Amino acid sequence: MHTFKRHNILFYITIVLSFMLFTGCAVGPTHGYIVTETQFPGTFNPENNVKADKEAKGCQYTVLYLVTYGDAGAGSVANKNGITKIATIDHSTFSLFSGLIRNYCTFVVGE
């Protein structure tokens, strides 16, 4: 029976950690491995007939690649904050060490 030596175990742990750190999906239009902080436009009402009376924000958070929680869905953010007509939807992201700590936020503006 083959037994793993200590250096073999460290090698496999290094491979798994490298895979986790360097293959994360990009959050936003650009992505940095150490720090990412972006704001970018989403969609807007092309008819431009909705007033920008209310603004709401919803975020989703990831910690240590193990736990993700929150709600950044535009529809649910609007619904929870009493926005019945949406004028614009924008987004922002923050990531530390390619996602060790990460958030993705949606901003909904409307009436």
Protein backbone atom coordinates (compact mmCIF):
# COMPACT_ATOMS: atom_id res chain seq x y z
CA MET A 1 0.00 0.00 0.00
CA HIS A 2 1.32 3.41 -1.00
CA THR A 3 1.61 5.97 1.78
CA PHE A 4 1.65 9.68 1.19
CA LYS A 5 4.73 11.48 2.26
CA ARG A 6 4.51 14.87 3.86
CA HIS A 7 5.76 16.70 0.74
CA ASN A 8 3.11 14.98 -1.39
CA ILE A 9 0.35 16.20 0.90
CA LEU A 10 1.75 19.74 0.87
CA PHE A 11 1.96 19.60 -2.92
CA TYR A 12 -1.72 18.66 -3.25
CA ILE A 13 -2.79 21.28 -0.74
CA THR A 14 -0.83 23.89 -2.70
CA ILE A 15 -2.49 22.83 -5.96
CA VAL A 16 -5.98 23.00 -4.45
CA LEU A 17 -5.37 26.41 -2.86
CA SER A 18 -3.87 27.77 -6.08
CA PHE A 19 -6.89 26.55 -8.00
CA MET A 20 -9.22 28.27 -5.55
CA LEU A 21 -7.29 31.55 -5.57
CA PHE A 22 -6.56 31.92 -9.25
CA THR A 23 -9.58 30.51 -11.03
CA GLY A 24 -12.36 32.53 -9.41
CA CYS A 25 -14.93 34.08 -11.68
CA ALA A 26 -14.43 37.76 -12.30
CA VAL A 27 -16.72 40.05 -10.37
CA GLY A 28 -17.49 42.98 -12.56
CA PRO A 29 -16.00 44.13 -15.83
CA THR A 30 -12.43 43.99 -14.47
CA HIS A 31 -10.79 41.85 -11.84
CA GLY A 32 -7.56 42.11 -9.87
CA TYR A 33 -6.02 39.30 -7.88
CA ILE A 34 -5.16 41.42 -4.84
CA VAL A 35 -7.89 44.09 -4.70
CA THR A 36 -10.85 44.83 -6.92
CA GLU A 37 -13.23 47.72 -6.36
CA THR A 38 -15.46 48.63 -9.28
CA GLN A 39 -18.71 50.40 -10.08
CA PHE A 40 -20.38 49.78 -13.40
CA PRO A 41 -23.69 50.49 -15.12
CA GLY A 42 -26.36 47.89 -15.57
CA THR A 43 -29.58 48.62 -17.39
CA PHE A 44 -31.95 51.56 -17.66
CA ASN A 45 -35.48 52.28 -18.75
CA PRO A 46 -35.06 53.28 -22.43
CA GLU A 47 -38.33 55.24 -22.41
CA ASN A 48 -36.95 57.44 -19.61
CA ASN A 49 -40.43 57.81 -18.13
CA VAL A 50 -39.69 56.66 -14.56
CA LYS A 51 -38.78 59.18 -11.89
CA ALA A 52 -35.67 58.61 -9.77
CA ASP A 53 -37.46 59.11 -6.44
CA LYS A 54 -36.15 56.11 -4.50
CA GLU A 55 -32.84 54.26 -4.37
CA ALA A 56 -32.24 50.82 -2.89
CA LYS A 57 -29.20 48.61 -2.50
CA GLY A 58 -28.85 44.86 -2.12
CA CYS A 59 -25.59 42.95 -1.70
CA GLN A 60 -24.30 39.41 -1.84
CA TYR A 61 -21.20 38.49 0.19
CA THR A 62 -18.72 35.61 -0.02
CA VAL A 63 -16.23 34.79 2.73
CA LEU A 64 -13.26 32.42 2.38
CA TYR A 65 -14.84 30.75 -0.67
CA LEU A 66 -16.95 28.82 1.82
CA VAL A 67 -19.98 30.93 2.69
CA THR A 68 -22.11 33.10 0.44
CA TYR A 69 -25.11 35.06 1.68
CA GLY A 70 -27.23 38.05 0.74
CA ASP A 71 -29.51 39.12 -2.08
CA ALA A 72 -28.41 41.28 -5.01
CA GLY A 73 -31.32 40.53 -7.32
CA ALA A 74 -32.75 43.74 -8.81
CA GLY A 75 -36.35 42.55 -8.60
CA SER A 76 -36.19 41.53 -4.97
CA VAL A 77 -34.24 44.67 -4.00
CA ALA A 78 -36.91 46.81 -5.66
CA ASN A 79 -39.75 44.82 -4.10
CA LYS A 80 -38.31 44.93 -0.57
CA ASN A 81 -37.89 48.71 -0.81
CA GLY A 82 -41.24 49.62 -2.35
CA ILE A 83 -39.94 50.44 -5.83
CA THR A 84 -42.62 49.47 -8.34
CA LYS A 85 -41.11 51.05 -11.47
CA ILE A 86 -37.37 50.81 -12.16
CA ALA A 87 -35.46 53.66 -13.85
CA THR A 88 -31.89 52.31 -13.57
CA ILE A 89 -29.96 49.35 -12.22
CA ASP A 90 -26.25 49.74 -11.44
CA HIS A 91 -23.70 47.46 -9.81
CA SER A 92 -20.56 47.55 -7.68
CA THR A 93 -18.05 44.93 -6.59
CA PHE A 94 -15.32 44.53 -4.04
CA SER A 95 -12.88 41.64 -3.86
CA LEU A 96 -9.84 41.03 -1.69
CA PHE A 97 -7.25 38.45 -2.78
CA SER A 98 -9.30 37.28 -5.76
CA GLY A 99 -12.35 36.54 -3.68
CA LEU A 100 -11.14 35.61 -0.23
CA ILE A 101 -13.63 38.29 0.78
CA ARG A 102 -16.01 39.45 -1.93
CA ASN A 103 -19.21 41.41 -2.38
CA TYR A 104 -21.45 42.20 -5.32
CA CYS A 105 -24.06 44.95 -4.91
CA THR A 106 -26.99 46.03 -7.04
CA PHE A 107 -28.40 49.58 -6.90
CA VAL A 108 -31.97 50.04 -8.05
CA VAL A 109 -33.42 53.52 -8.68
CA GLY A 110 -37.04 54.22 -9.48
CA GLU A 111 -40.41 55.18 -8.08
